[in-house]
Amino acid sequence: MFRRVLIANRGEVAARVLRSCKRLGVQVVAVASEADRGLGWLQDADEVVLLGPARAARSYLDQDALLEVARRTGATAVHPGWGFLAENATFAARCEALGLTFIGPRSPLIRAMGDKIAARTTMAKLGMPLIPGSPGPVSTLAEARREADRVGYPVLLKAAAGGGGRGMRRAYAPDQLQAAFEQASAESQSAFGDGSLYLEKLIVGGRHIEFQVLVDHFGHGVHLGERECSIQRRHQKLLEESPSPVITPAQRAQVGGLVAEVVARAGYRNAGTVEMLRDQDGQLYFMEMNTRLQVEHPVSEEITGLDLVELQLRVACNEPLPFDQSGVRFKGHAIEARVNAEDPAQGFRPSPGRITRLELPVGDGVRVDTHLRGGDRIPPQYDSMICKVIAWGEDRAQAIARLHGALSASVIEGVPTTIPLQLKLLESEPFRSGTYDTTTLDTLLGAWYGPHPA
């Protein structure tokens, strides 16, 4: 096992990785920007290095600074977490060149899967079903029109280098395509430095299903079941659960087995997430692969009893997975609520500020992942996540009841939060019945809050 690991991230992400490292006896080097230097969780690290100003480009995204911290502190491995540089192939390659273990896949696989067009091509060759779409990039509006006519409207234009919902626009009819193409390309260029787009058939009323996979350096791959992530607004998730209410055990075994096999054959190593879209006929299509853990990985941990960060560390140390697929046991149901400092009634306007009181219940099947303590400040420069509240139950009804109880008992003062909305979602008929899809949240928001500015 590694002696000392640099966590190249911040907030809840870094605090989550730190907990597994400390349990394994691994020393942790944490980094903090000027905006984060006073956060209480940093006291749990073995060493804290001030990285730079609040701006992410000059702190958490500063590759030179991070690599210098690793050299100076004697770290032998770097855990990128999720977000920031977690899927940056150049950063992974620079770690490799310096003899640092990048806790994730090798840089060529990050690069291959980060290019969404290349990833689609690779996965199709290995047998994964794809959403109908363009075989390559659509470089001009004329090309986009030809592909849209071929697959049929509505269509979705997506950034080839994208993620997090940026660089995506819908066109429901030919007269909407030009504006969608120009807006998606401009946003992609601004966000990723690459305006390349590809086009897919837009599946209306689909469900966002993702499979958690693990592959060791001996090529042995397993899946840890699926997560249902369809309660989302602008591709940002609010509730996630596992297992999905609409995936049968037979489909889980069949699709999960295919996903694990394909990812292993592609040469992938470590933890990853294969995102899929389920249409109204129940067909699952490959969308993209995220070469990292996801924010919502705790629900997979809760139903399998596994620590995914620990497994990442062990795989990175060239240890074989301690189980095969038959050794993965699924038990019960888990649901996660991402609690953010945002006001849903005001169009989810972020509300940074100081948390004057923080009381989060744990126990009785409830887990809370957070980096914050009472008195800590949520800075305006980063995402506004306060915590993740995860509830496990023997069945879905018990998990819903426990999560509802935990959110109701939570006390967060000083900033508005998404908890009132999440309670309404847990009480709603579409969620309780499991009949929701990716359009449900927008429909409910309109009914509960009315129209509001973007």
Protein backbone atom coordinates (compact mmCIF):
# COMPACT_ATOMS: atom_id res chain seq x y z
CA MET A 1 0.00 0.00 0.00
CA PHE A 2 1.13 3.57 -0.63
CA ARG A 3 2.87 5.38 2.21
CA ARG A 4 1.75 8.90 1.34
CA VAL A 5 -0.93 10.09 -1.13
CA LEU A 6 -1.61 13.58 -2.42
CA ILE A 7 -5.33 14.28 -2.84
CA ALA A 8 -5.53 16.68 -5.78
CA ASN A 9 -9.01 17.97 -5.02
CA ARG A 10 -11.06 19.84 -2.45
CA GLY A 11 -14.16 19.76 -0.30
CA GLU A 12 -16.36 16.70 0.08
CA VAL A 13 -14.40 14.87 -2.60
CA ALA A 14 -11.09 15.19 -0.77
CA ALA A 15 -12.64 14.49 2.64
CA ARG A 16 -14.18 11.27 1.29
CA VAL A 17 -10.88 10.02 -0.15
CA LEU A 18 -9.08 10.98 3.06
CA ARG A 19 -11.33 8.77 5.20
CA SER A 20 -10.41 5.62 3.27
CA CYS A 21 -6.73 6.53 3.20
CA LYS A 22 -6.61 7.06 6.96
CA ARG A 23 -8.41 3.78 7.63
CA LEU A 24 -5.75 2.00 5.57
CA GLY A 25 -2.91 3.78 7.37
CA VAL A 26 -1.99 5.89 4.34
CA GLN A 27 -0.65 9.37 5.08
CA VAL A 28 -2.55 12.16 3.34
CA VAL A 29 -1.29 15.39 1.86
CA ALA A 30 -4.17 17.80 1.35
CA VAL A 31 -4.14 21.00 -0.66
CA ALA A 32 -6.21 24.13 -0.16
CA SER A 33 -6.74 27.38 -1.98
CA GLU A 34 -6.92 30.69 -0.18
CA ALA A 35 -10.72 30.37 -0.14
CA ASP A 36 -10.60 26.93 1.54
CA ARG A 37 -7.68 27.28 3.93
CA GLY A 38 -9.88 27.63 7.04
CA LEU A 39 -12.11 24.58 6.50
CA GLY A 40 -12.20 22.21 9.44
CA TRP A 41 -11.75 18.94 7.55
CA LEU A 42 -8.17 19.89 6.70
CA GLN A 43 -7.22 19.21 10.32
CA ASP A 44 -7.58 15.48 9.57
CA ALA A 45 -4.81 15.50 6.95
CA ASP A 46 -1.20 14.68 7.83
CA GLU A 47 0.02 17.70 5.90
CA VAL A 48 -1.77 20.65 4.31
CA VAL A 49 -0.21 22.78 1.58
CA LEU A 50 -1.60 26.14 0.51
CA LEU A 51 -1.97 25.79 -3.24
CA GLY A 52 -2.79 29.27 -4.52
CA PRO A 53 -5.53 31.88 -4.94
CA ALA A 54 -9.23 31.09 -4.86
CA ARG A 55 -9.54 30.89 -8.63
CA ALA A 56 -9.48 27.20 -9.60
CA ALA A 57 -7.23 27.86 -12.60
CA ARG A 58 -4.55 29.09 -10.20
CA SER A 59 -5.05 26.45 -7.53
CA TYR A 60 -6.86 23.14 -8.03
CA LEU A 61 -6.30 23.16 -11.80
CA ASP A 62 -2.65 24.27 -11.58
CA GLN A 63 -0.85 21.10 -12.64
CA ASP A 64 2.63 22.52 -12.04
CA ALA A 65 1.74 23.50 -8.49
CA LEU A 66 0.19 20.13 -7.68
CA LEU A 67 3.14 18.17 -9.04
CA GLU A 68 5.55 20.36 -7.10
CA VAL A 69 3.54 19.69 -3.91
CA ALA A 70 3.77 15.95 -4.55
CA ARG A 71 7.55 16.19 -5.05
CA ARG A 72 8.13 18.39 -2.02
CA THR A 73 5.99 16.35 0.38
CA GLY A 74 7.24 12.91 -0.66
CA ALA A 75 3.90 11.66 -2.00
CA THR A 76 4.23 8.58 -4.20
CA ALA A 77 0.67 8.64 -5.58
CA VAL A 78 -1.96 11.18 -6.55
CA HIS A 79 -5.69 10.64 -6.11
CA PRO A 80 -7.58 13.12 -8.34
CA GLY A 81 -11.03 12.44 -6.86
CA TRP A 82 -13.79 13.47 -9.24
CA GLY A 83 -14.02 16.82 -10.98
CA PHE A 84 -11.12 19.22 -11.62
CA LEU A 85 -8.24 17.12 -13.07
CA ALA A 86 -9.78 13.67 -12.52
CA GLU A 87 -10.29 13.08 -16.25
CA ASN A 88 -7.37 15.13 -17.52
CA ALA A 89 -5.17 12.82 -19.58
CA THR A 90 -2.30 15.31 -19.65
CA PHE A 91 -2.17 15.50 -15.86
CA ALA A 92 -2.26 11.70 -15.59
CA ALA A 93 0.56 11.43 -18.13
CA ARG A 94 2.65 13.99 -16.25
CA CYS A 95 2.20 12.02 -13.03
CA GLU A 96 3.27 8.84 -14.84
CA ALA A 97 6.35 10.56 -16.30
CA LEU A 98 7.45 11.64 -12.82
CA GLY A 99 7.03 8.18 -11.35
CA LEU A 100 3.88 9.12 -9.44
CA THR A 101 1.02 6.63 -9.45
CA PHE A 102 -2.11 8.28 -10.80
CA ILE A 103 -4.94 6.54 -8.95
CA GLY A 104 -7.17 5.91 -11.92
CA PRO A 105 -6.77 4.55 -15.45
CA ARG A 106 -3.68 5.14 -17.55
CA SER A 107 -3.55 8.36 -19.52
CA PRO A 108 -4.20 6.81 -22.99
CA LEU A 109 -7.52 5.38 -21.77
CA ILE A 110 -8.52 8.68 -20.19
CA ARG A 111 -7.77 10.38 -23.49
CA ALA A 112 -9.65 7.77 -25.51
CA MET A 113 -12.77 7.89 -23.34
CA GLY A 114 -12.61 11.67 -22.90
CA ASP A 115 -13.14 12.08 -26.64
CA LYS A 116 -16.82 11.15 -26.77
CA ILE A 117 -16.73 10.38 -30.48
CA ALA A 118 -13.70 8.09 -30.12
CA ALA A 119 -15.33 6.44 -27.10
CA ARG A 120 -18.50 5.70 -29.09
CA THR A 121 -16.43 4.19 -31.88
CA THR A 122 -14.42 2.04 -29.46
CA MET A 123 -17.46 0.80 -27.58
CA ALA A 124 -19.37 0.01 -30.77
CA LYS A 125 -16.48 -2.12 -32.04
CA LEU A 126 -16.51 -4.03 -28.74
CA GLY A 127 -20.23 -4.74 -28.91
CA MET A 128 -21.92 -2.00 -26.90
CA PRO A 129 -25.25 -0.74 -28.31
CA LEU A 130 -25.13 2.98 -29.20
CA ILE A 131 -27.80 5.65 -29.41
CA PRO A 132 -28.34 6.27 -33.17
CA GLY A 133 -26.23 9.23 -34.20
CA SER A 134 -23.44 10.59 -36.35
CA PRO A 135 -20.51 8.22 -36.94
CA GLY A 136 -18.08 11.07 -36.29
CA PRO A 137 -18.03 14.81 -35.63
CA VAL A 138 -20.41 17.14 -37.43
CA SER A 139 -18.10 19.96 -38.46
CA THR A 140 -20.61 22.14 -40.25
CA LEU A 141 -24.28 23.01 -40.02
CA ALA A 142 -24.82 21.24 -43.35
CA GLU A 143 -23.36 18.01 -41.94
CA ALA A 144 -25.54 18.35 -38.86
CA ARG A 145 -28.62 18.76 -41.06
CA ARG A 146 -27.79 15.63 -43.04
CA GLU A 147 -27.30 13.54 -39.90
CA ALA A 148 -30.45 14.95 -38.26
CA ASP A 149 -32.49 14.05 -41.34
CA ARG A 150 -30.99 10.56 -41.31
CA VAL A 151 -31.65 9.70 -37.62
CA GLY A 152 -34.85 11.76 -37.35
CA TYR A 153 -35.88 14.59 -35.05
CA PRO A 154 -35.67 15.39 -32.18
CA VAL A 155 -31.87 15.37 -31.96
CA LEU A 156 -29.23 16.28 -29.42
CA LEU A 157 -25.99 18.08 -30.26
CA LYS A 158 -23.20 17.24 -27.81
CA ALA A 159 -19.66 18.48 -27.25
CA ALA A 160 -17.11 15.84 -28.24
CA ALA A 161 -14.93 16.89 -25.30
CA GLY A 162 -17.84 17.66 -23.02
CA GLY A 163 -19.23 16.69 -19.67
CA GLY A 164 -21.56 17.97 -16.98
CA GLY A 165 -24.21 19.01 -19.47
CA ARG A 166 -22.11 21.75 -21.08
CA GLY A 167 -22.02 22.02 -24.85
CA MET A 168 -25.37 20.29 -25.27
CA ARG A 169 -28.40 21.61 -27.15
CA ARG A 170 -31.64 20.05 -28.36
CA ALA A 171 -33.42 20.56 -31.66
CA TYR A 172 -36.97 19.28 -31.96
CA ALA A 173 -37.43 20.43 -35.57
CA PRO A 174 -35.26 21.51 -38.52
CA ASP A 175 -35.83 25.22 -37.87
CA GLN A 176 -34.20 24.87 -34.41
CA LEU A 177 -31.02 23.16 -35.60
CA GLN A 178 -28.98 26.20 -36.58
CA ALA A 179 -29.35 27.95 -33.23
CA ALA A 180 -28.68 24.71 -31.37
CA PHE A 181 -25.55 24.02 -33.44
CA GLU A 182 -24.13 27.51 -32.94
CA GLN A 183 -24.87 27.63 -29.22
CA ALA A 184 -23.52 24.14 -28.50
CA SER A 185 -20.34 24.77 -30.48
CA ALA A 186 -19.70 28.13 -28.80
CA GLU A 187 -20.29 26.75 -25.32
CA SER A 188 -18.08 23.74 -26.01
CA GLN A 189 -15.28 25.98 -27.28
CA SER A 190 -15.56 28.18 -24.21
CA ALA A 191 -15.75 25.34 -21.67
CA PHE A 192 -13.33 22.82 -23.16
CA GLY A 193 -11.28 24.70 -25.75
CA ASP A 194 -12.78 22.46 -28.42
CA GLY A 195 -15.92 23.29 -30.38
CA SER A 196 -16.31 19.83 -31.96
CA LEU A 197 -19.79 18.36 -31.82
CA TYR A 198 -21.51 15.11 -32.58
CA LEU A 199 -25.20 14.42 -33.02
CA GLU A 200 -27.48 11.84 -31.43
CA LYS A 201 -31.12 10.93 -31.64
CA LEU A 202 -32.81 12.56 -28.63
CA ILE A 203 -34.59 9.91 -26.59
CA VAL A 204 -37.51 11.72 -24.97
CA GLY A 205 -38.68 10.35 -21.66
CA GLY A 206 -35.60 8.18 -21.23
CA ARG A 207 -33.95 7.10 -18.01
CA HIS A 208 -30.34 7.75 -17.07
CA ILE A 209 -28.77 4.46 -15.94
CA GLU A 210 -25.09 4.02 -15.12
CA PHE A 211 -23.03 0.94 -14.26
CA GLN A 212 -20.15 1.00 -11.79
CA VAL A 213 -17.20 -1.07 -12.98
CA LEU A 214 -13.86 -2.12 -11.50
CA VAL A 215 -10.97 -3.68 -13.44
CA ASP A 216 -7.63 -4.73 -11.96
CA HIS A 217 -4.26 -4.74 -13.72
CA PHE A 218 -4.66 -8.43 -14.51
CA GLY A 219 -7.67 -7.68 -16.71
CA HIS A 220 -10.28 -9.03 -14.30
CA GLY A 221 -13.40 -6.85 -14.41
CA VAL A 222 -16.60 -6.76 -12.37
CA HIS A 223 -19.65 -4.55 -12.18
CA LEU A 224 -21.27 -3.38 -8.96
CA GLY A 225 -24.75 -2.99 -10.38
CA GLU A 226 -26.49 0.05 -11.78
CA ARG A 227 -27.48 3.44 -10.44
CA GLU A 228 -30.62 5.31 -11.45
CA CYS A 229 -29.85 9.00 -11.97
CA SER A 230 -32.90 10.30 -13.84
CA ILE A 231 -33.93 12.93 -11.27
CA GLN A 232 -31.81 15.68 -12.74
CA ARG A 233 -32.02 19.27 -13.83
CA ARG A 234 -29.86 20.40 -16.74
CA HIS A 235 -27.92 17.14 -16.43
CA GLN A 236 -27.15 17.84 -12.75
CA LYS A 237 -28.45 15.10 -10.45
CA LEU A 238 -30.42 15.68 -7.25
CA LEU A 239 -31.37 12.13 -6.22
CA GLU A 240 -29.72 8.84 -7.16
CA GLU A 241 -30.63 5.32 -6.21
CA SER A 242 -29.50 1.73 -6.58
CA PRO A 243 -30.85 -0.56 -7.80
CA SER A 244 -32.97 1.13 -10.47
CA PRO A 245 -36.73 0.52 -10.09
CA VAL A 246 -36.93 -0.54 -13.76
CA ILE A 247 -33.92 -2.86 -14.17
CA THR A 248 -34.64 -6.54 -13.58
CA PRO A 249 -32.06 -8.90 -12.03
CA ALA A 250 -31.73 -10.65 -15.39
CA GLN A 251 -31.09 -7.39 -17.24
CA ARG A 252 -28.63 -6.29 -14.54
CA ALA A 253 -26.64 -9.49 -14.93
CA GLN A 254 -26.74 -9.40 -18.73
CA VAL A 255 -25.95 -5.71 -19.29
CA GLY A 256 -23.61 -5.40 -16.31
CA GLY A 257 -21.67 -8.43 -17.47
CA LEU A 258 -21.36 -6.99 -20.97
CA VAL A 259 -20.22 -3.63 -19.62
CA ALA A 260 -17.53 -5.17 -17.40
CA GLU A 261 -16.29 -7.38 -20.24
CA VAL A 262 -16.16 -4.58 -22.79
CA VAL A 263 -14.38 -2.17 -20.46
CA ALA A 264 -11.78 -4.80 -19.54
CA ARG A 265 -11.21 -5.70 -23.21
CA ALA A 266 -10.69 -2.01 -23.98
CA GLY A 267 -7.70 -2.07 -21.63
CA TYR A 268 -9.35 -0.05 -18.89
CA ARG A 269 -8.01 -0.37 -15.34
CA ASN A 270 -9.29 0.91 -11.97
CA ALA A 271 -12.79 2.25 -11.23
CA GLY A 272 -15.01 3.75 -13.91
CA THR A 273 -18.63 4.51 -14.73
CA VAL A 274 -20.44 3.59 -17.93
CA GLU A 275 -23.41 5.89 -18.50
CA MET A 276 -26.38 4.59 -20.47
CA LEU A 277 -29.79 5.81 -21.55
CA ARG A 278 -32.85 3.56 -21.34
CA ASP A 279 -35.61 4.23 -23.83
CA GLN A 280 -39.31 3.68 -23.21
CA ASP A 281 -39.07 0.17 -24.67
CA GLY A 282 -36.46 -0.82 -22.09
CA GLN A 283 -33.45 -0.82 -24.44
CA LEU A 284 -30.20 0.44 -22.88
CA TYR A 285 -27.79 2.45 -25.04
CA PHE A 286 -24.20 3.51 -24.30
CA MET A 287 -23.77 7.27 -23.85
CA GLU A 288 -20.28 7.77 -22.46
CA MET A 289 -17.74 6.53 -19.95
CA ASN A 290 -16.46 8.56 -17.03
CA THR A 291 -12.93 7.47 -16.13
CA ARG A 292 -13.32 8.10 -12.41
CA LEU A 293 -15.65 7.57 -9.49
CA GLN A 294 -18.94 9.46 -9.56
CA VAL A 295 -20.38 11.75 -6.91
CA GLU A 296 -23.09 9.16 -6.36
CA HIS A 297 -20.78 6.16 -5.77
CA PRO A 298 -21.92 5.79 -2.11
CA VAL A 299 -25.20 4.15 -3.15
CA SER A 300 -23.20 1.37 -4.81
CA GLU A 301 -21.08 1.05 -1.68
CA GLU A 302 -24.16 0.77 0.51
CA ILE A 303 -25.77 -2.09 -1.43
CA THR A 304 -22.51 -4.05 -1.86
CA GLY A 305 -20.71 -3.31 1.42
CA LEU A 306 -17.57 -2.33 -0.51
CA ASP A 307 -15.32 0.72 -0.16
CA LEU A 308 -14.69 1.90 -3.71
CA VAL A 309 -11.89 4.30 -2.77
CA GLU A 310 -10.08 1.50 -0.97
CA LEU A 311 -10.47 -0.72 -4.03
CA GLN A 312 -9.12 2.08 -6.23
CA LEU A 313 -6.04 2.29 -4.01
CA ARG A 314 -5.52 -1.47 -4.01
CA VAL A 315 -5.87 -1.77 -7.78
CA ALA A 316 -3.42 1.12 -8.22
CA CYS A 317 -0.97 -0.86 -6.06
CA ASN A 318 -1.26 -3.76 -8.55
CA GLU A 319 -3.27 -5.91 -6.18
CA PRO A 320 -5.79 -8.23 -7.82
CA LEU A 321 -9.46 -7.69 -7.07
CA PRO A 322 -10.26 -9.82 -4.00
CA PHE A 323 -13.43 -11.20 -5.63
CA ASP A 324 -14.91 -12.10 -8.98
CA GLN A 325 -18.42 -11.29 -10.19
CA SER A 326 -19.92 -14.16 -8.21
CA GLY A 327 -18.47 -12.61 -5.07
CA VAL A 328 -20.37 -9.33 -5.52
CA ARG A 329 -23.44 -9.47 -3.29
CA PHE A 330 -26.29 -6.99 -3.66
CA LYS A 331 -28.35 -6.30 -0.57
CA GLY A 332 -31.20 -3.87 -0.04
CA HIS A 333 -31.72 -0.45 -1.58
CA ALA A 334 -29.89 2.88 -1.24
CA ILE A 335 -30.83 6.45 -2.18
CA GLU A 336 -28.63 9.55 -2.11
CA ALA A 337 -29.64 13.20 -1.90
CA ARG A 338 -27.09 15.82 -2.95
CA VAL A 339 -27.72 18.74 -0.62
CA ASN A 340 -26.55 22.04 -2.13
CA ALA A 341 -26.57 25.61 -0.93
CA GLU A 342 -29.05 26.65 -3.61
CA ASP A 343 -32.54 28.09 -3.64
CA PRO A 344 -34.82 26.04 -5.93
CA ALA A 345 -37.53 28.73 -5.74
CA GLN A 346 -35.06 31.20 -7.27
CA GLY A 347 -33.96 29.07 -10.20
CA PHE A 348 -31.40 27.16 -8.10
CA ARG A 349 -29.40 30.30 -7.49
CA PRO A 350 -26.20 29.35 -5.61
CA SER A 351 -26.11 30.86 -2.12
CA PRO A 352 -22.59 30.76 -0.71
CA GLY A 353 -22.05 31.91 2.84
CA ARG A 354 -21.25 30.80 6.37
CA ILE A 355 -23.06 27.82 7.88
CA THR A 356 -23.99 29.00 11.34
CA ARG A 357 -25.48 25.67 12.47
CA LEU A 358 -25.03 22.19 11.06
CA GLU A 359 -26.71 19.10 12.50
CA LEU A 360 -26.83 16.05 10.24
CA PRO A 361 -28.27 12.76 11.56
CA VAL A 362 -26.45 9.45 11.08
CA GLY A 363 -27.23 5.88 12.10
CA ASP A 364 -30.20 3.60 11.44
CA GLY A 365 -29.16 3.10 7.83
CA VAL A 366 -28.23 6.76 7.27
CA ARG A 367 -24.79 7.94 6.15
CA VAL A 368 -23.64 11.53 5.60
CA ASP A 369 -20.61 12.48 3.49
CA THR A 370 -19.48 16.06 4.03
CA HIS A 371 -16.41 18.20 4.49
CA LEU A 372 -18.18 20.96 6.39
CA ARG A 373 -18.57 21.72 10.06
CA GLY A 374 -20.58 24.36 11.84
CA GLY A 375 -18.97 27.75 11.25
CA ASP A 376 -17.39 26.76 7.93
CA ARG A 377 -17.98 28.97 4.92
CA ILE A 378 -19.11 27.84 1.47
CA PRO A 379 -17.00 29.96 -0.91
CA PRO A 380 -18.56 31.37 -4.08
CA GLN A 381 -15.75 30.18 -6.34
CA TYR A 382 -16.68 26.47 -6.35
CA ASP A 383 -19.71 24.20 -6.38
CA SER A 384 -22.20 24.71 -3.58
CA MET A 385 -22.47 21.16 -2.24
CA ILE A 386 -22.96 20.95 1.50
CA CYS A 387 -23.25 17.20 1.92
CA LYS A 388 -24.58 13.94 0.55
CA VAL A 389 -27.17 12.14 2.66
CA ILE A 390 -27.42 8.44 1.84
CA ALA A 391 -30.06 6.09 3.23
CA TRP A 392 -30.01 2.29 3.03
CA GLY A 393 -33.02 0.05 3.59
CA GLU A 394 -33.97 -3.58 3.31
CA ASP A 395 -36.21 -2.46 0.43
CA ARG A 396 -36.91 0.73 -1.53
CA ALA A 397 -39.80 1.84 0.69
CA GLN A 398 -37.62 1.68 3.80
CA ALA A 399 -34.80 3.56 2.05
CA ILE A 400 -37.22 6.33 1.03
CA ALA A 401 -38.61 6.55 4.56
CA ARG A 402 -35.16 6.72 6.13
CA LEU A 403 -33.92 9.37 3.71
CA HIS A 404 -37.05 11.44 4.23
CA GLY A 405 -36.59 11.19 8.00
CA ALA A 406 -32.92 12.11 7.82
CA LEU A 407 -33.51 15.15 5.61
CA SER A 408 -36.42 16.28 7.78
CA ALA A 409 -34.22 16.08 10.89
CA SER A 410 -31.26 17.90 9.30
CA VAL A 411 -30.57 21.40 10.58
CA ILE A 412 -28.59 23.67 8.27
CA GLU A 413 -28.70 27.36 9.09
CA GLY A 414 -27.03 30.32 7.40
CA VAL A 415 -27.73 29.38 3.77
CA PRO A 416 -30.78 28.11 1.85
CA THR A 417 -30.59 24.48 0.76
CA THR A 418 -32.21 22.06 -1.66
CA ILE A 419 -33.63 19.94 1.19
CA PRO A 420 -37.22 21.29 0.93
CA LEU A 421 -37.28 20.33 -2.75
CA GLN A 422 -35.77 16.91 -2.11
CA LEU A 423 -38.42 16.21 0.54
CA LYS A 424 -41.13 17.10 -1.98
CA LEU A 425 -39.51 14.81 -4.53
CA LEU A 426 -39.42 11.90 -2.09
CA GLU A 427 -43.12 12.49 -1.38
CA SER A 428 -44.11 12.79 -5.04
CA GLU A 429 -46.07 10.05 -6.78
CA PRO A 430 -43.62 9.66 -9.72
CA PHE A 431 -40.72 9.01 -7.37
CA ARG A 432 -42.58 6.78 -4.93
CA SER A 433 -43.94 4.67 -7.77
CA GLY A 434 -40.59 4.58 -9.56
CA THR A 435 -42.18 5.76 -12.81
CA TYR A 436 -40.10 8.91 -13.24
CA ASP A 437 -37.74 9.74 -16.13
CA THR A 438 -35.34 12.52 -17.08
CA THR A 439 -38.21 14.93 -17.80
CA THR A 440 -40.01 14.44 -14.47
CA LEU A 441 -38.11 16.98 -12.42
CA ASP A 442 -38.68 19.83 -14.87
CA THR A 443 -42.40 19.02 -14.92
CA LEU A 444 -42.60 19.01 -11.12
CA LEU A 445 -40.56 22.20 -10.80
CA GLY A 446 -42.97 24.01 -13.07
CA ALA A 447 -45.93 22.84 -11.00
CA TRP A 448 -44.33 23.68 -7.64
CA TYR A 449 -42.42 26.88 -8.34
CA GLY A 450 -43.80 28.18 -11.64
CA PRO A 451 -41.64 29.71 -14.36
CA HIS A 452 -38.40 31.27 -13.21
CA PRO A 453 -35.36 32.76 -14.91
CA ALA A 454 -32.55 30.37 -15.89
